[in-house]
PDB file of N, CA and C in Angstrom:
ATOM      1  N   MET A   1       1.701   4.909 -21.407  1.00  0.00           N
ATOM      2  CA  MET A   1       0.511   5.596 -20.452  1.00  0.00           C
ATOM      3  C   MET A   1       0.724   5.108 -19.232  1.00  0.00           C
ATOM      4  N   LYS A   2       0.621   6.173 -18.252  1.00  0.00           N
ATOM      5  CA  LYS A   2       0.793   6.182 -16.817  1.00  0.00           C
ATOM      6  C   LYS A   2      -0.325   5.571 -16.221  1.00  0.00           C
ATOM      7  N   CYS A   3      -0.249   4.632 -15.429  1.00  0.00           N
ATOM      8  CA  CYS A   3      -1.466   4.189 -14.684  1.00  0.00           C
ATOM      9  C   CYS A   3      -1.437   4.346 -13.101  1.00  0.00           C
ATOM     10  N   TYR A   4      -2.351   4.555 -12.444  1.00  0.00           N
ATOM     11  CA  TYR A   4      -2.520   4.693 -11.018  1.00  0.00           C
ATOM     12  C   TYR A   4      -3.250   3.499 -10.662  1.00  0.00           C
ATOM     13  N   TYR A   5      -3.027   3.081  -9.583  1.00  0.00           N
ATOM     14  CA  TYR A   5      -3.774   1.751  -9.032  1.00  0.00           C
ATOM     15  C   TYR A   5      -4.189   2.066  -7.529  1.00  0.00           C
ATOM     16  N   VAL A   6      -5.345   1.434  -7.345  1.00  0.00           N
ATOM     17  CA  VAL A   6      -6.042   1.396  -6.059  1.00  0.00           C
ATOM     18  C   VAL A   6      -6.165   0.081  -5.926  1.00  0.00           C
ATOM     19  N   TYR A   7      -5.502  -0.412  -4.602  1.00  0.00           N
ATOM     20  CA  TYR A   7      -5.473  -1.858  -4.398  1.00  0.00           C
ATOM     21  C   TYR A   7      -5.975  -2.053  -3.256  1.00  0.00           C
ATOM     22  N   ILE A   8      -6.499  -3.422  -2.911  1.00  0.00           N
ATOM     23  CA  ILE A   8      -6.896  -4.111  -1.750  1.00  0.00           C
ATOM     24  C   ILE A   8      -6.089  -5.278  -1.487  1.00  0.00           C
ATOM     25  N   LEU A   9      -5.222  -5.458  -0.221  1.00  0.00           N
ATOM     26  CA  LEU A   9      -4.623  -6.158   0.067  1.00  0.00           C
ATOM     27  C   LEU A   9      -5.328  -7.205   0.982  1.00  0.00           C
ATOM     28  N   GLN A  10      -5.101  -8.451   1.141  1.00  0.00           N
ATOM     29  CA  GLN A  10      -5.775  -9.387   2.177  1.00  0.00           C
ATOM     30  C   GLN A  10      -4.299 -10.083   2.844  1.00  0.00           C
ATOM     31  N   SER A  11      -4.539 -10.046   4.154  1.00  0.00           N
ATOM     32  CA  SER A  11      -3.206 -10.792   4.741  1.00  0.00           C
ATOM     33  C   SER A  11      -3.476 -12.320   4.676  1.00  0.00           C
ATOM     34  N   GLU A  12      -2.383 -13.035   4.208  1.00  0.00           N
ATOM     35  CA  GLU A  12      -2.413 -14.291   4.147  1.00  0.00           C
ATOM     36  C   GLU A  12      -2.503 -15.099   5.448  1.00  0.00           C
ATOM     37  N   ASN A  13      -2.151 -14.479   6.720  1.00  0.00           N
ATOM     38  CA  ASN A  13      -2.323 -15.131   8.040  1.00  0.00           C
ATOM     39  C   ASN A  13      -3.605 -14.814   8.688  1.00  0.00           C
ATOM     40  N   ASP A  14      -4.271 -13.897   8.335  1.00  0.00           N
ATOM     41  CA  ASP A  14      -5.468 -13.510   8.598  1.00  0.00           C
ATOM     42  C   ASP A  14      -6.475 -12.987   7.659  1.00  0.00           C
ATOM     43  N   SER A  15      -7.276 -14.023   6.990  1.00  0.00           N
ATOM     44  CA  SER A  15      -8.133 -13.528   5.898  1.00  0.00           C
ATOM     45  C   SER A  15      -9.063 -12.598   6.204  1.00  0.00           C
ATOM     46  N   GLU A  16      -9.475 -12.012   7.262  1.00  0.00           N
ATOM     47  CA  GLU A  16     -10.268 -11.290   7.738  1.00  0.00           C
ATOM     48  C   GLU A  16      -9.668  -9.591   7.586  1.00  0.00           C
ATOM     49  N   ARG A  17      -8.420  -9.581   7.546  1.00  0.00           N
ATOM     50  CA  ARG A  17      -7.566  -8.556   7.547  1.00  0.00           C
ATOM     51  C   ARG A  17      -7.219  -7.973   6.280  1.00  0.00           C
ATOM     52  N   PHE A  18      -7.680  -6.742   5.874  1.00  0.00           N
ATOM     53  CA  PHE A  18      -7.513  -6.112   4.391  1.00  0.00           C
ATOM     54  C   PHE A  18      -7.036  -4.659   4.732  1.00  0.00           C
ATOM     55  N   TYR A  19      -6.339  -4.093   3.679  1.00  0.00           N
ATOM     56  CA  TYR A  19      -5.597  -2.930   3.678  1.00  0.00           C
ATOM     57  C   TYR A  19      -5.944  -2.333   2.225  1.00  0.00           C
ATOM     58  N   THR A  20      -6.273  -1.155   1.936  1.00  0.00           N
ATOM     59  CA  THR A  20      -6.719  -0.358   0.787  1.00  0.00           C
ATOM     60  C   THR A  20      -5.598   0.831   0.647  1.00  0.00           C
ATOM     61  N   GLY A  21      -5.091   0.831  -0.427  1.00  0.00           N
ATOM     62  CA  GLY A  21      -3.992   1.797  -0.901  1.00  0.00           C
ATOM     63  C   GLY A  21      -4.122   2.341  -2.033  1.00  0.00           C
ATOM     64  N   PHE A  22      -2.920   3.140  -2.567  1.00  0.00           N
ATOM     65  CA  PHE A  22      -3.096   3.884  -3.943  1.00  0.00           C
ATOM     66  C   PHE A  22      -1.382   3.916  -4.153  1.00  0.00           C
ATOM     67  N   THR A  23      -0.975   3.607  -5.539  1.00  0.00           N
ATOM     68  CA  THR A  23       0.265   3.730  -5.818  1.00  0.00           C
ATOM     69  C   THR A  23       0.339   3.638  -7.305  1.00  0.00           C
ATOM     70  N   ASP A  24       1.572   3.854  -7.842  1.00  0.00           N
ATOM     71  CA  ASP A  24       1.758   3.935  -9.436  1.00  0.00           C
ATOM     72  C   ASP A  24       2.667   2.920  -9.695  1.00  0.00           C
ATOM     73  N   ASP A  25       3.092   2.149  -8.666  1.00  0.00           N
ATOM     74  CA  ASP A  25       3.813   0.870  -8.919  1.00  0.00           C
ATOM     75  C   ASP A  25       3.286  -0.180  -7.982  1.00  0.00           C
ATOM     76  N   ILE A  26       2.356  -1.014  -8.462  1.00  0.00           N
ATOM     77  CA  ILE A  26       1.748  -2.080  -7.518  1.00  0.00           C
ATOM     78  C   ILE A  26       2.623  -3.023  -7.103  1.00  0.00           C
ATOM     79  N   GLU A  27       3.383  -3.550  -7.770  1.00  0.00           N
ATOM     80  CA  GLU A  27       4.500  -4.715  -7.614  1.00  0.00           C
ATOM     81  C   GLU A  27       5.647  -4.370  -6.370  1.00  0.00           C
ATOM     82  N   SER A  28       6.180  -2.987  -6.643  1.00  0.00           N
ATOM     83  CA  SER A  28       6.949  -2.537  -5.641  1.00  0.00           C
ATOM     84  C   SER A  28       6.389  -2.140  -4.421  1.00  0.00           C
ATOM     85  N   ARG A  29       5.107  -1.726  -4.406  1.00  0.00           N
ATOM     86  CA  ARG A  29       4.419  -1.391  -3.229  1.00  0.00           C
ATOM     87  C   ARG A  29       4.069  -2.683  -2.402  1.00  0.00           C
ATOM     88  N   LEU A  30       3.653  -3.880  -3.206  1.00  0.00           N
ATOM     89  CA  LEU A  30       3.350  -4.908  -2.587  1.00  0.00           C
ATOM     90  C   LEU A  30       4.629  -5.389  -1.621  1.00  0.00           C
ATOM     91  N   ARG A  31       5.693  -5.576  -2.364  1.00  0.00           N
ATOM     92  CA  ARG A  31       7.110  -5.753  -1.762  1.00  0.00           C
ATOM     93  C   ARG A  31       7.342  -4.968  -0.488  1.00  0.00           C
ATOM     94  N   THR A  32       7.005  -3.671  -0.462  1.00  0.00           N
ATOM     95  CA  THR A  32       7.287  -2.816   0.599  1.00  0.00           C
ATOM     96  C   THR A  32       6.270  -3.076   1.856  1.00  0.00           C
ATOM     97  N   HIS A  33       5.032  -3.568   1.431  1.00  0.00           N
ATOM     98  CA  HIS A  33       4.238  -4.229   2.480  1.00  0.00           C
ATOM     99  C   HIS A  33       4.738  -5.469   2.948  1.00  0.00           C
ATOM    100  N   ASN A  34       4.981  -6.451   2.270  1.00  0.00           N
ATOM    101  CA  ASN A  34       5.477  -7.619   2.824  1.00  0.00           C
ATOM    102  C   ASN A  34       6.989  -7.456   3.437  1.00  0.00           C
ATOM    103  N   GLN A  35       7.798  -6.504   3.231  1.00  0.00           N
ATOM    104  CA  GLN A  35       9.018  -6.374   3.824  1.00  0.00           C
ATOM    105  C   GLN A  35       8.893  -5.747   5.311  1.00  0.00           C
ATOM    106  N   GLY A  36       7.585  -5.389   5.664  1.00  0.00           N
ATOM    107  CA  GLY A  36       7.422  -4.699   7.022  1.00  0.00           C
ATOM    108  C   GLY A  36       7.795  -3.286   7.023  1.00  0.00           C
ATOM    109  N   LYS A  37       7.682  -2.524   5.876  1.00  0.00           N
ATOM    110  CA  LYS A  37       8.324  -1.267   5.855  1.00  0.00           C
ATOM    111  C   LYS A  37       7.109  -0.233   5.989  1.00  0.00           C
ATOM    112  N   CYS A  38       5.976  -0.682   6.181  1.00  0.00           N
ATOM    113  CA  CYS A  38       4.642  -0.038   6.235  1.00  0.00           C
ATOM    114  C   CYS A  38       4.208  -0.157   7.576  1.00  0.00           C
ATOM    115  N   LYS A  39       4.089   0.730   8.402  1.00  0.00           N
ATOM    116  CA  LYS A  39       3.502   0.475   9.747  1.00  0.00           C
ATOM    117  C   LYS A  39       2.325  -0.003   9.868  1.00  0.00           C
ATOM    118  N   HIS A  40       1.423   0.469   8.977  1.00  0.00           N
ATOM    119  CA  HIS A  40      -0.233   0.126   9.136  1.00  0.00           C
ATOM    120  C   HIS A  40      -0.126  -1.348   8.753  1.00  0.00           C
ATOM    121  N   THR A  41       0.760  -1.971   7.935  1.00  0.00           N
ATOM    122  CA  THR A  41       0.587  -3.481   7.578  1.00  0.00           C
ATOM    123  C   THR A  41       1.568  -4.457   8.066  1.00  0.00           C
ATOM    124  N   SER A  42       2.585  -3.886   8.901  1.00  0.00           N
ATOM    125  CA  SER A  42       3.648  -4.797   9.040  1.00  0.00           C
ATOM    126  C   SER A  42       3.217  -5.895  10.042  1.00  0.00           C
ATOM    127  N   LYS A  43       2.184  -5.715  10.942  1.00  0.00           N
ATOM    128  CA  LYS A  43       1.726  -6.720  11.938  1.00  0.00           C
ATOM    129  C   LYS A  43       1.034  -7.949  11.224  1.00  0.00           C
ATOM    130  N   TYR A  44       0.636  -7.762  10.096  1.00  0.00           N
ATOM    131  CA  TYR A  44      -0.242  -8.918   9.366  1.00  0.00           C
ATOM    132  C   TYR A  44       0.386  -9.492   8.058  1.00  0.00           C
ATOM    133  N   ILE A  45       1.700  -9.211   7.903  1.00  0.00           N
ATOM    134  CA  ILE A  45       2.371  -9.724   6.815  1.00  0.00           C
ATOM    135  C   ILE A  45       2.478 -11.349   6.827  1.00  0.00           C
ATOM    136  N   PRO A  46       2.445 -11.887   5.789  1.00  0.00           N
ATOM    137  CA  PRO A  46       2.487 -11.528   4.257  1.00  0.00           C
ATOM    138  C   PRO A  46       1.285 -11.227   3.820  1.00  0.00           C
ATOM    139  N   TRP A  47       1.119 -10.395   2.745  1.00  0.00           N
ATOM    140  CA  TRP A  47      -0.305 -10.060   2.039  1.00  0.00           C
ATOM    141  C   TRP A  47      -0.109 -10.164   0.825  1.00  0.00           C
ATOM    142  N   LYS A  48      -1.367 -10.470   0.206  1.00  0.00           N
ATOM    143  CA  LYS A  48      -1.528 -10.681  -1.297  1.00  0.00           C
ATOM    144  C   LYS A  48      -2.377  -9.617  -1.903  1.00  0.00           C
ATOM    145  N   ILE A  49      -2.472  -9.397  -3.160  1.00  0.00           N
ATOM    146  CA  ILE A  49      -3.266  -8.505  -3.874  1.00  0.00           C
ATOM    147  C   ILE A  49      -4.549  -9.132  -3.898  1.00  0.00           C
ATOM    148  N   LYS A  50      -5.794  -8.843  -3.286  1.00  0.00           N
ATOM    149  CA  LYS A  50      -7.244  -9.146  -3.573  1.00  0.00           C
ATOM    150  C   LYS A  50      -7.615  -8.687  -4.970  1.00  0.00           C
ATOM    151  N   THR A  51      -7.428  -7.191  -4.902  1.00  0.00           N
ATOM    152  CA  THR A  51      -8.097  -6.510  -6.004  1.00  0.00           C
ATOM    153  C   THR A  51      -7.115  -5.261  -6.272  1.00  0.00           C
ATOM    154  N   ALA A  52      -7.103  -5.034  -7.617  1.00  0.00           N
ATOM    155  CA  ALA A  52      -6.420  -3.911  -8.081  1.00  0.00           C
ATOM    156  C   ALA A  52      -7.172  -3.366  -9.122  1.00  0.00           C
ATOM    157  N   VAL A  53      -7.366  -2.058  -9.108  1.00  0.00           N
ATOM    158  CA  VAL A  53      -8.112  -1.263 -10.181  1.00  0.00           C
ATOM    159  C   VAL A  53      -7.229   0.090 -10.832  1.00  0.00           C
ATOM    160  N   ALA A  54      -7.126  -0.050 -12.146  1.00  0.00           N
ATOM    161  CA  ALA A  54      -6.066   0.794 -12.639  1.00  0.00           C
ATOM    162  C   ALA A  54      -6.814   1.983 -13.390  1.00  0.00           C
ATOM    163  N   PHE A  55      -6.150   3.257 -13.062  1.00  0.00           N
ATOM    164  CA  PHE A  55      -6.670   4.305 -13.519  1.00  0.00           C
ATOM    165  C   PHE A  55      -5.900   5.140 -14.347  1.00  0.00           C
ATOM    166  N   THR A  56      -6.278   6.025 -15.241  1.00  0.00           N
ATOM    167  CA  THR A  56      -5.079   6.664 -16.090  1.00  0.00           C
ATOM    168  C   THR A  56      -5.323   8.033 -15.316  1.00  0.00           C
ATOM    169  N   ASN A  57      -6.120   8.383 -14.674  1.00  0.00           N
ATOM    170  CA  ASN A  57      -6.368   9.750 -14.040  1.00  0.00           C
ATOM    171  C   ASN A  57      -5.934   9.560 -12.540  1.00  0.00           C
ATOM    172  N   ARG A  58      -4.953  10.291 -12.094  1.00  0.00           N
ATOM    173  CA  ARG A  58      -4.651  10.161 -10.678  1.00  0.00           C
ATOM    174  C   ARG A  58      -5.667  10.683  -9.672  1.00  0.00           C
ATOM    175  N   LYS A  59      -6.225  11.791  -9.982  1.00  0.00           N
ATOM    176  CA  LYS A  59      -7.204  12.448  -9.061  1.00  0.00           C
ATOM    177  C   LYS A  59      -8.434  11.259  -9.024  1.00  0.00           C
ATOM    178  N   LYS A  60      -8.777  10.846 -10.050  1.00  0.00           N
ATOM    179  CA  LYS A  60      -9.981   9.744 -10.099  1.00  0.00           C
ATOM    180  C   LYS A  60      -9.593   8.713  -9.238  1.00  0.00           C
ATOM    181  N   ALA A  61      -8.253   8.153  -9.265  1.00  0.00           N
ATOM    182  CA  ALA A  61      -7.783   7.104  -8.440  1.00  0.00           C
ATOM    183  C   ALA A  61      -7.707   7.391  -6.945  1.00  0.00           C
ATOM    184  N   LEU A  62      -7.295   8.544  -6.732  1.00  0.00           N
ATOM    185  CA  LEU A  62      -7.312   8.965  -5.177  1.00  0.00           C
ATOM    186  C   LEU A  62      -8.581   9.113  -4.699  1.00  0.00           C
ATOM    187  N   GLU A  63      -9.555   9.684  -5.401  1.00  0.00           N
ATOM    188  CA  GLU A  63     -11.030   9.696  -5.094  1.00  0.00           C
ATOM    189  C   GLU A  63     -11.580   8.423  -4.632  1.00  0.00           C
ATOM    190  N   PHE A  64     -11.340   7.254  -5.636  1.00  0.00           N
ATOM    191  CA  PHE A  64     -11.875   6.106  -5.496  1.00  0.00           C
ATOM    192  C   PHE A  64     -11.098   5.562  -4.337  1.00  0.00           C
ATOM    193  N   GLU A  65     -10.038   5.644  -3.833  1.00  0.00           N
ATOM    194  CA  GLU A  65      -9.339   4.970  -2.866  1.00  0.00           C
ATOM    195  C   GLU A  65      -9.943   5.795  -1.538  1.00  0.00           C
ATOM    196  N   GLN A  66     -10.247   6.958  -1.684  1.00  0.00           N
ATOM    197  CA  GLN A  66     -10.811   7.689  -0.281  1.00  0.00           C
ATOM    198  C   GLN A  66     -12.436   7.134  -0.078  1.00  0.00           C
ATOM    199  N   TYR A  67     -13.073   6.800  -1.201  1.00  0.00           N
ATOM    200  CA  TYR A  67     -14.318   6.115  -1.250  1.00  0.00           C
ATOM    201  C   TYR A  67     -14.203   4.831  -0.669  1.00  0.00           C
ATOM    202  N   LEU A  68     -13.229   3.932  -1.010  1.00  0.00           N
ATOM    203  CA  LEU A  68     -13.191   2.740  -0.635  1.00  0.00           C
ATOM    204  C   LEU A  68     -12.853   2.509   0.858  1.00  0.00           C
ATOM    205  N   LYS A  69     -12.342   3.668   1.530  1.00  0.00           N
ATOM    206  CA  LYS A  69     -11.963   4.002   2.741  1.00  0.00           C
ATOM    207  C   LYS A  69     -13.206   4.220   3.555  1.00  0.00           C
ATOM    208  N   SER A  70     -14.244   4.769   3.194  1.00  0.00           N
ATOM    209  CA  SER A  70     -15.508   5.052   3.969  1.00  0.00           C
ATOM    210  C   SER A  70     -16.139   3.900   4.088  1.00  0.00           C
ATOM    211  N   ALA A  71     -17.238   4.129   5.038  1.00  0.00           N
ATOM    212  CA  ALA A  71     -17.843   3.038   5.494  1.00  0.00           C
ATOM    213  C   ALA A  71     -18.911   2.304   4.116  1.00  0.00           C
ATOM    214  N   SER A  72     -19.541   3.233   3.337  1.00  0.00           N
ATOM    215  CA  SER A  72     -20.168   2.866   2.322  1.00  0.00           C
ATOM    216  C   SER A  72     -19.257   1.850   1.230  1.00  0.00           C
ATOM    217  N   GLY A  73     -17.924   2.477   1.053  1.00  0.00           N
ATOM    218  CA  GLY A  73     -16.914   1.874   0.401  1.00  0.00           C
ATOM    219  C   GLY A  73     -16.344   0.683   0.703  1.00  0.00           C
ATOM    220  N   ARG A  74     -16.300   0.555   2.041  1.00  0.00           N
ATOM    221  CA  ARG A  74     -15.854  -0.757   2.567  1.00  0.00           C
ATOM    222  C   ARG A  74     -16.937  -1.851   2.173  1.00  0.00           C
ATOM    223  N   ALA A  75     -18.342  -1.458   2.565  1.00  0.00           N
ATOM    224  CA  ALA A  75     -19.549  -2.149   2.318  1.00  0.00           C
ATOM    225  C   ALA A  75     -19.621  -2.777   0.840  1.00  0.00           C
ATOM    226  N   PHE A  76     -19.238  -1.811  -0.285  1.00  0.00           N
ATOM    227  CA  PHE A  76     -19.147  -2.169  -1.597  1.00  0.00           C
ATOM    228  C   PHE A  76     -18.038  -3.100  -1.854  1.00  0.00           C
ATOM    229  N   ALA A  77     -16.831  -2.703  -1.463  1.00  0.00           N
ATOM    230  CA  ALA A  77     -15.757  -3.717  -1.533  1.00  0.00           C
ATOM    231  C   ALA A  77     -15.780  -5.098  -1.066  1.00  0.00           C
ATOM    232  N   LYS A  78     -16.364  -5.197   0.041  1.00  0.00           N
ATOM    233  CA  LYS A  78     -16.826  -6.281   0.596  1.00  0.00           C
ATOM    234  C   LYS A  78     -17.552  -7.229  -0.194  1.00  0.00           C
ATOM    235  N   LYS A  79     -18.617  -6.552  -0.795  1.00  0.00           N
ATOM    236  CA  LYS A  79     -19.747  -7.340  -1.490  1.00  0.00           C
ATOM    237  C   LYS A  79     -19.335  -7.383  -3.100  1.00  0.00           C
ATOM    238  N   ARG A  80     -18.767  -6.649  -3.663  1.00  0.00           N
ATOM    239  CA  ARG A  80     -18.502  -6.628  -5.099  1.00  0.00           C
ATOM    240  C   ARG A  80     -16.917  -6.774  -5.457  1.00  0.00           C
ATOM    241  N   LEU A  81     -15.755  -6.440  -4.554  1.00  0.00           N
ATOM    242  CA  LEU A  81     -14.509  -6.840  -4.841  1.00  0.00           C
ATOM    243  C   LEU A  81     -13.755  -7.956  -4.027  1.00  0.00           C
TER     244      LEU A  81
END
């Protein structure tokens, strides 16, 4: 079964710095972030996975990622995830 992941990374150097993303290969995506290949996260490497949520439905995963990037989604993540 194919899974899609919505993940929240936390910088190991700045514990107040987070990044939310979507992928179908979470280990590979984490390596990409930690190798500095993503311009949005390269400044704060290394990263660790704080939270990862698996979905079998790609559309639902993308919708959840967009929600987490909204103001109410960030508040939800901060309190619950």
